[in-house]
Amino acid sequence: MEPEGGGPVLLGTIGRVTASSAQPAGLPFLKGHGTQNDFVILPDPDGRLAIGPEAVAALCDRRSGIGGDGLLRVVRSAADPVAADQADRAEWFMDYRNSDGSIGEMCGNGIRVFARYLVGAGLAKPGELPVATRAGLRTVRVAEDAEDGTPGEITVDMGRALLPGPDGIEVAVGGRSWPALNVNMGNPHAVAFVESLEHAGELRTAPPVSPEGVYPQGVNVEFVVDRGPRHVAMRVHERGSGETRSCGTGACAVAVAAARRDGADPAVTGEAVTYAVDVLGGRLTITEYPDGRVEKTGPAVIVARGELDPAWSALVRGA
């Protein structure tokens, strides 16, 4: 979407946007999910939308907005200063925001939905697709649809997991506490193995993590139980969103943590290891390779597309 005269549409404070006076009636949007981790999608190929946190929160509100765990702005890398240095390797930049409006470096489920949108819109073809993110370049493989029309699964090269320490991290809920492993997948995770997923509590608010200050910008916290050999289940508090039905980077962090716990570190064994990770919204398959690279495979679905009501659009665009 581009306003008349080519100036930016500034989505700033909640319910208001400073913009040119001559604006289209409605802002196009889509809604999609990956294992029920759902997103508002805003196509902005030429980088005309400058979205403020209040506007993101309003759009993601499940009662007064479209509703979503986060927002995906689809913009060409060359059109956004954040991703301009990746433009020679990736045409498209995934500008991801959490549902509270805060910026996220990476979203493992979101990037599958992002890729599904690009292919469905004819902006990319099935096969290998590089995507720019704030965590760096990510390569996505979009499988061809099945003969019956079932969308093919999407595999994402999530990069290498980092285990930056320190030792002694703990997560606490309701008087219980567990040791946690610090795993960074482009964003930070604290992974705790527990006896029951009910021990995670309500997860609307962030579980306390110690020592204080170890995650100065917040952290995603995963609670994990075993389901069988190379098979685990998890619940997650995502910083900026609360509990979500799935977290792609979190599932990767959980698989990496499980491999270390199980003595199956591929860098040590020389063999790739694969875990099935059950989330509330389905199942993801995570493989870690001896070079440290992590791949994640799962579904992604576009469920709706439309245009914001003109009256609501007037609020978010400005008069």
Protein backbone atom coordinates (compact mmCIF):
# COMPACT_ATOMS: atom_id res chain seq x y z
CA MET A 1 0.00 0.00 0.00
CA GLU A 2 1.34 3.40 -0.91
CA PRO A 3 -0.29 6.72 -0.07
CA GLU A 4 -0.88 9.25 -2.77
CA GLY A 5 2.29 11.26 -3.27
CA GLY A 6 4.57 8.41 -2.15
CA GLY A 7 5.00 9.48 1.50
CA PRO A 8 5.09 7.05 4.42
CA VAL A 9 2.03 5.87 6.30
CA LEU A 10 3.03 6.26 9.94
CA LEU A 11 1.28 3.82 12.26
CA GLY A 12 2.15 5.53 15.49
CA THR A 13 0.15 5.94 18.69
CA ILE A 14 -2.72 3.60 19.37
CA GLY A 15 -5.73 4.36 17.26
CA ARG A 16 -3.97 7.11 15.30
CA VAL A 17 -1.65 7.35 12.35
CA THR A 18 -0.14 10.46 10.83
CA ALA A 19 -0.49 10.22 7.04
CA SER A 20 -1.34 12.00 3.84
CA SER A 21 -4.93 13.21 3.75
CA ALA A 22 -5.72 11.24 0.60
CA GLN A 23 -5.69 7.60 1.68
CA PRO A 24 -7.31 4.39 0.42
CA ALA A 25 -10.31 3.35 2.48
CA GLY A 26 -8.89 0.18 3.96
CA LEU A 27 -5.57 -1.39 4.88
CA PRO A 28 -5.16 -4.90 3.42
CA PHE A 29 -4.20 -7.66 5.83
CA LEU A 30 -3.96 -11.43 6.10
CA LYS A 31 -4.14 -13.82 9.04
CA GLY A 32 -2.06 -16.97 9.27
CA HIS A 33 -0.69 -19.48 11.75
CA GLY A 34 2.00 -22.09 12.21
CA THR A 35 0.98 -24.83 14.67
CA GLN A 36 -1.58 -22.30 16.00
CA ASN A 37 1.00 -19.58 16.67
CA ASP A 38 -0.99 -16.89 14.84
CA PHE A 39 -0.03 -13.65 13.15
CA VAL A 40 -1.43 -10.55 11.53
CA ILE A 41 0.30 -10.09 8.17
CA LEU A 42 0.70 -6.61 6.66
CA PRO A 43 1.98 -6.51 3.07
CA ASP A 44 4.25 -3.46 2.72
CA PRO A 45 6.60 -4.28 -0.18
CA ASP A 46 7.89 -0.75 -0.66
CA GLY A 47 8.35 0.08 3.02
CA ARG A 48 5.64 2.73 3.32
CA LEU A 49 4.34 1.70 6.74
CA ALA A 50 6.23 2.86 9.85
CA ILE A 51 4.41 0.87 12.52
CA GLY A 52 4.56 2.02 16.13
CA PRO A 53 4.17 -0.35 19.09
CA GLU A 54 0.74 0.96 20.07
CA ALA A 55 -0.64 0.28 16.59
CA VAL A 56 0.82 -3.25 16.61
CA ALA A 57 -0.80 -3.95 19.98
CA ALA A 58 -4.13 -2.61 18.69
CA LEU A 59 -4.04 -4.81 15.58
CA CYS A 60 -3.06 -7.89 17.62
CA ASP A 61 -5.75 -7.32 20.27
CA ARG A 62 -8.07 -10.33 20.24
CA ARG A 63 -11.15 -8.35 21.25
CA SER A 64 -10.89 -5.01 19.48
CA GLY A 65 -8.41 -5.82 16.72
CA ILE A 66 -7.68 -8.65 14.30
CA GLY A 67 -5.97 -10.73 16.97
CA GLY A 68 -2.61 -12.48 16.91
CA ASP A 69 0.47 -13.53 18.84
CA GLY A 70 2.44 -11.13 16.70
CA LEU A 71 2.60 -9.10 13.51
CA LEU A 72 4.56 -9.83 10.32
CA ARG A 73 5.31 -6.88 8.06
CA VAL A 74 6.30 -8.08 4.58
CA VAL A 75 8.79 -5.62 3.12
CA ARG A 76 11.60 -5.75 0.58
CA SER A 77 14.96 -5.78 2.33
CA ALA A 78 16.22 -2.88 0.22
CA ALA A 79 13.27 -0.76 1.37
CA ASP A 80 14.01 -1.07 5.09
CA PRO A 81 17.20 0.31 6.69
CA VAL A 82 17.21 -2.53 9.23
CA ALA A 83 17.66 -5.14 6.49
CA ALA A 84 19.37 -3.16 3.73
CA ASP A 85 22.69 -4.91 4.35
CA GLN A 86 20.99 -8.26 3.59
CA ALA A 87 19.31 -7.08 0.38
CA ASP A 88 21.98 -8.63 -1.86
CA ARG A 89 21.15 -12.06 -0.41
CA ALA A 90 17.43 -11.86 0.39
CA GLU A 91 14.76 -9.86 -1.43
CA TRP A 92 12.32 -10.00 1.50
CA PHE A 93 12.65 -8.89 5.13
CA MET A 94 10.44 -10.30 7.90
CA ASP A 95 9.79 -7.35 10.22
CA TYR A 96 8.44 -9.23 13.24
CA ARG A 97 6.73 -7.59 16.22
CA ASN A 98 5.39 -9.25 19.37
CA SER A 99 1.73 -8.71 20.23
CA ASP A 100 2.60 -6.00 22.77
CA GLY A 101 4.34 -4.03 20.02
CA SER A 102 7.89 -4.85 21.05
CA ILE A 103 10.39 -5.89 18.39
CA GLY A 104 11.40 -9.55 18.04
CA GLU A 105 14.67 -10.62 16.48
CA MET A 106 13.30 -13.84 15.02
CA CYS A 107 10.14 -15.97 14.98
CA GLY A 108 10.43 -19.58 13.88
CA ASN A 109 6.71 -20.12 13.26
CA GLY A 110 6.30 -16.64 11.85
CA ILE A 111 8.93 -17.16 9.18
CA ARG A 112 7.07 -20.23 7.87
CA VAL A 113 3.86 -18.19 7.66
CA PHE A 114 5.85 -15.38 6.03
CA ALA A 115 7.15 -17.79 3.38
CA ARG A 116 3.68 -19.27 2.83
CA TYR A 117 2.36 -15.77 2.14
CA LEU A 118 5.14 -14.95 -0.33
CA VAL A 119 4.56 -18.15 -2.33
CA GLY A 120 0.78 -17.80 -2.23
CA ALA A 121 1.01 -14.18 -3.40
CA GLY A 122 3.27 -15.11 -6.31
CA LEU A 123 6.18 -13.16 -4.82
CA ALA A 124 8.32 -16.29 -4.47
CA LYS A 125 8.29 -19.85 -5.79
CA PRO A 126 8.27 -23.18 -3.90
CA GLY A 127 11.77 -24.37 -3.15
CA GLU A 128 14.57 -22.52 -1.43
CA LEU A 129 13.85 -18.98 -0.27
CA PRO A 130 16.24 -16.69 1.66
CA VAL A 131 14.57 -14.36 4.18
CA ALA A 132 16.20 -11.44 6.00
CA THR A 133 15.47 -11.14 9.73
CA ARG A 134 16.87 -9.11 12.61
CA ALA A 135 18.72 -12.27 13.66
CA GLY A 136 20.35 -12.53 10.24
CA LEU A 137 19.64 -14.43 7.04
CA ARG A 138 17.42 -17.51 7.28
CA THR A 139 16.90 -20.00 4.43
CA VAL A 140 13.43 -21.51 4.03
CA ARG A 141 12.45 -24.52 1.89
CA VAL A 142 8.81 -24.57 0.82
CA ALA A 143 7.63 -27.99 -0.34
CA GLU A 144 5.27 -28.28 -3.31
CA ASP A 145 1.61 -28.76 -2.44
CA ALA A 146 0.27 -32.31 -2.51
CA GLU A 147 -1.95 -33.47 -5.39
CA ASP A 148 -5.04 -33.02 -3.22
CA GLY A 149 -4.07 -29.40 -2.55
CA THR A 150 -2.71 -29.93 0.94
CA PRO A 151 -0.01 -27.30 1.50
CA GLY A 152 3.51 -28.71 1.68
CA GLU A 153 5.44 -28.43 4.91
CA ILE A 154 8.06 -25.75 5.31
CA THR A 155 11.60 -26.29 6.59
CA VAL A 156 13.62 -23.43 8.02
CA ASP A 157 17.37 -23.33 8.50
CA MET A 158 17.35 -21.68 11.91
CA GLY A 159 21.10 -21.15 12.07
CA ARG A 160 23.36 -22.35 14.83
CA ALA A 161 22.31 -22.61 18.44
CA LEU A 162 24.45 -20.81 20.98
CA LEU A 163 24.75 -21.86 24.60
CA PRO A 164 26.25 -18.74 26.15
CA GLY A 165 25.78 -19.71 29.80
CA PRO A 166 26.11 -18.91 32.60
CA ASP A 167 25.58 -22.03 34.70
CA GLY A 168 23.19 -21.80 37.61
CA ILE A 169 20.18 -20.29 35.80
CA GLU A 170 16.88 -21.19 37.48
CA VAL A 171 13.21 -20.76 36.59
CA ALA A 172 10.63 -20.55 39.37
CA VAL A 173 6.85 -20.98 39.47
CA GLY A 174 4.69 -21.11 42.59
CA GLY A 175 7.35 -22.19 45.07
CA ARG A 176 8.99 -24.70 42.73
CA SER A 177 12.22 -24.03 40.86
CA TRP A 178 14.17 -25.88 38.18
CA PRO A 179 17.59 -25.49 36.58
CA ALA A 180 17.40 -24.00 33.09
CA LEU A 181 19.71 -24.05 30.10
CA ASN A 182 20.39 -20.78 28.29
CA VAL A 183 19.95 -21.41 24.56
CA ASN A 184 20.09 -18.61 22.01
CA MET A 185 18.40 -19.16 18.63
CA GLY A 186 18.78 -15.56 17.51
CA ASN A 187 16.60 -14.74 20.52
CA PRO A 188 17.07 -15.90 24.12
CA HIS A 189 15.51 -18.99 25.73
CA ALA A 190 15.60 -20.53 29.18
CA VAL A 191 14.72 -24.24 28.90
CA ALA A 192 13.61 -26.13 32.02
CA PHE A 193 12.76 -29.85 32.21
CA VAL A 194 9.85 -30.48 34.60
CA GLU A 195 7.76 -33.40 35.86
CA SER A 196 4.45 -32.05 34.52
CA LEU A 197 3.50 -29.25 32.14
CA GLU A 198 0.97 -28.13 34.74
CA HIS A 199 3.91 -27.02 36.87
CA ALA A 200 4.39 -24.13 34.42
CA GLY A 201 1.35 -22.40 35.88
CA GLU A 202 -0.72 -19.88 33.92
CA LEU A 203 2.20 -18.41 31.88
CA ARG A 204 0.35 -15.17 31.14
CA THR A 205 3.07 -13.39 33.08
CA ALA A 206 6.77 -14.04 32.75
CA PRO A 207 8.08 -16.70 35.17
CA PRO A 208 10.87 -15.38 37.40
CA VAL A 209 14.34 -16.27 36.13
CA SER A 210 17.51 -15.98 38.22
CA PRO A 211 20.17 -14.73 38.60
CA GLU A 212 18.72 -11.27 38.17
CA GLY A 213 19.97 -9.45 35.10
CA VAL A 214 20.99 -12.55 33.12
CA TYR A 215 18.39 -11.62 30.47
CA PRO A 216 18.34 -7.82 30.42
CA GLN A 217 15.93 -7.73 27.45
CA GLY A 218 13.66 -10.50 28.68
CA VAL A 219 13.56 -14.17 27.78
CA ASN A 220 11.32 -16.86 26.34
CA VAL A 221 10.83 -19.61 28.93
CA GLU A 222 10.12 -23.22 27.93
CA PHE A 223 8.85 -25.95 30.28
CA VAL A 224 9.51 -29.44 28.90
CA VAL A 225 8.42 -33.02 29.65
CA ASP A 226 9.39 -36.29 28.00
CA ARG A 227 6.91 -38.19 25.83
CA GLY A 228 9.22 -40.94 24.54
CA PRO A 229 12.59 -41.51 22.88
CA ARG A 230 13.57 -38.30 21.04
CA HIS A 231 10.06 -37.01 21.73
CA VAL A 232 9.23 -34.15 24.11
CA ALA A 233 6.36 -31.76 24.78
CA MET A 234 6.56 -28.14 25.86
CA ARG A 235 4.70 -25.06 27.01
CA VAL A 236 6.16 -21.61 26.53
CA HIS A 237 5.96 -18.06 27.79
CA GLU A 238 7.05 -15.80 24.93
CA ARG A 239 8.37 -12.43 26.02
CA GLY A 240 6.02 -9.76 24.82
CA SER A 241 3.18 -12.21 24.09
CA GLY A 242 2.54 -14.43 27.13
CA GLU A 243 1.74 -18.10 26.62
CA THR A 244 1.43 -19.02 22.95
CA ARG A 245 0.23 -22.22 21.30
CA SER A 246 3.63 -22.71 19.70
CA CYS A 247 7.08 -21.15 19.48
CA GLY A 248 9.38 -22.20 16.64
CA THR A 249 12.64 -20.88 18.06
CA GLY A 250 11.54 -22.29 21.42
CA ALA A 251 11.04 -25.76 19.94
CA CYS A 252 14.56 -25.55 18.50
CA ALA A 253 15.97 -24.47 21.85
CA VAL A 254 14.13 -27.35 23.54
CA ALA A 255 15.53 -29.92 21.09
CA VAL A 256 19.05 -28.57 21.57
CA ALA A 257 18.67 -28.69 25.35
CA ALA A 258 17.25 -32.23 25.20
CA ALA A 259 20.16 -33.41 23.05
CA ARG A 260 22.66 -32.04 25.58
CA ARG A 261 20.78 -33.66 28.45
CA ASP A 262 20.56 -36.99 26.59
CA GLY A 263 24.25 -37.08 25.65
CA ALA A 264 23.37 -36.69 21.96
CA ASP A 265 25.20 -33.45 21.15
CA PRO A 266 25.88 -33.80 17.40
CA ALA A 267 29.16 -31.88 17.73
CA VAL A 268 30.35 -34.68 20.04
CA THR A 269 28.73 -37.73 18.42
CA GLY A 270 29.27 -36.60 14.82
CA GLU A 271 25.68 -37.59 13.99
CA ALA A 272 22.61 -35.46 13.39
CA VAL A 273 19.84 -35.83 15.96
CA THR A 274 16.11 -35.29 15.43
CA TYR A 275 13.44 -34.62 18.05
CA ALA A 276 9.68 -34.45 17.72
CA VAL A 277 8.53 -31.47 19.78
CA ASP A 278 4.84 -31.32 20.67
CA VAL A 279 3.43 -27.85 21.25
CA LEU A 280 -0.13 -26.98 22.21
CA GLY A 281 -0.93 -26.32 18.55
CA GLY A 282 0.62 -29.39 16.95
CA ARG A 283 4.04 -30.91 16.32
CA LEU A 284 7.35 -29.60 14.99
CA THR A 285 10.30 -31.69 13.86
CA ILE A 286 13.71 -30.34 14.85
CA THR A 287 17.06 -31.64 13.55
CA GLU A 288 20.47 -30.49 14.76
CA TYR A 289 23.55 -31.25 12.66
CA PRO A 290 27.20 -31.77 13.70
CA ASP A 291 28.12 -28.29 12.45
CA GLY A 292 25.60 -26.83 14.93
CA ARG A 293 23.00 -25.92 12.32
CA VAL A 294 19.37 -26.45 13.37
CA GLU A 295 16.48 -27.12 11.00
CA LYS A 296 12.79 -26.92 11.87
CA THR A 297 9.96 -28.44 9.83
CA GLY A 298 6.25 -27.81 10.24
CA PRO A 299 3.05 -26.53 8.65
CA ALA A 300 1.98 -22.97 7.87
CA VAL A 301 -1.49 -21.84 6.86
CA ILE A 302 -3.04 -18.62 5.60
CA VAL A 303 -6.57 -18.62 7.00
CA ALA A 304 -8.00 -15.23 6.00
CA ARG A 305 -7.36 -12.13 3.97
CA GLY A 306 -9.27 -8.91 3.80
CA GLU A 307 -9.30 -5.19 4.40
CA LEU A 308 -9.71 -3.33 7.65
CA ASP A 309 -13.10 -1.69 7.95
CA PRO A 310 -12.86 1.88 6.59
CA ALA A 311 -13.95 3.39 9.89
CA TRP A 312 -11.31 1.41 11.82
CA SER A 313 -8.76 2.10 9.12
CA ALA A 314 -9.43 5.82 9.52
CA LEU A 315 -8.41 5.49 13.16
CA VAL A 316 -5.15 3.71 12.40
CA ARG A 317 -4.31 5.82 9.37
CA GLY A 318 -5.41 9.23 10.62
CA ALA A 319 -7.74 11.65 8.93
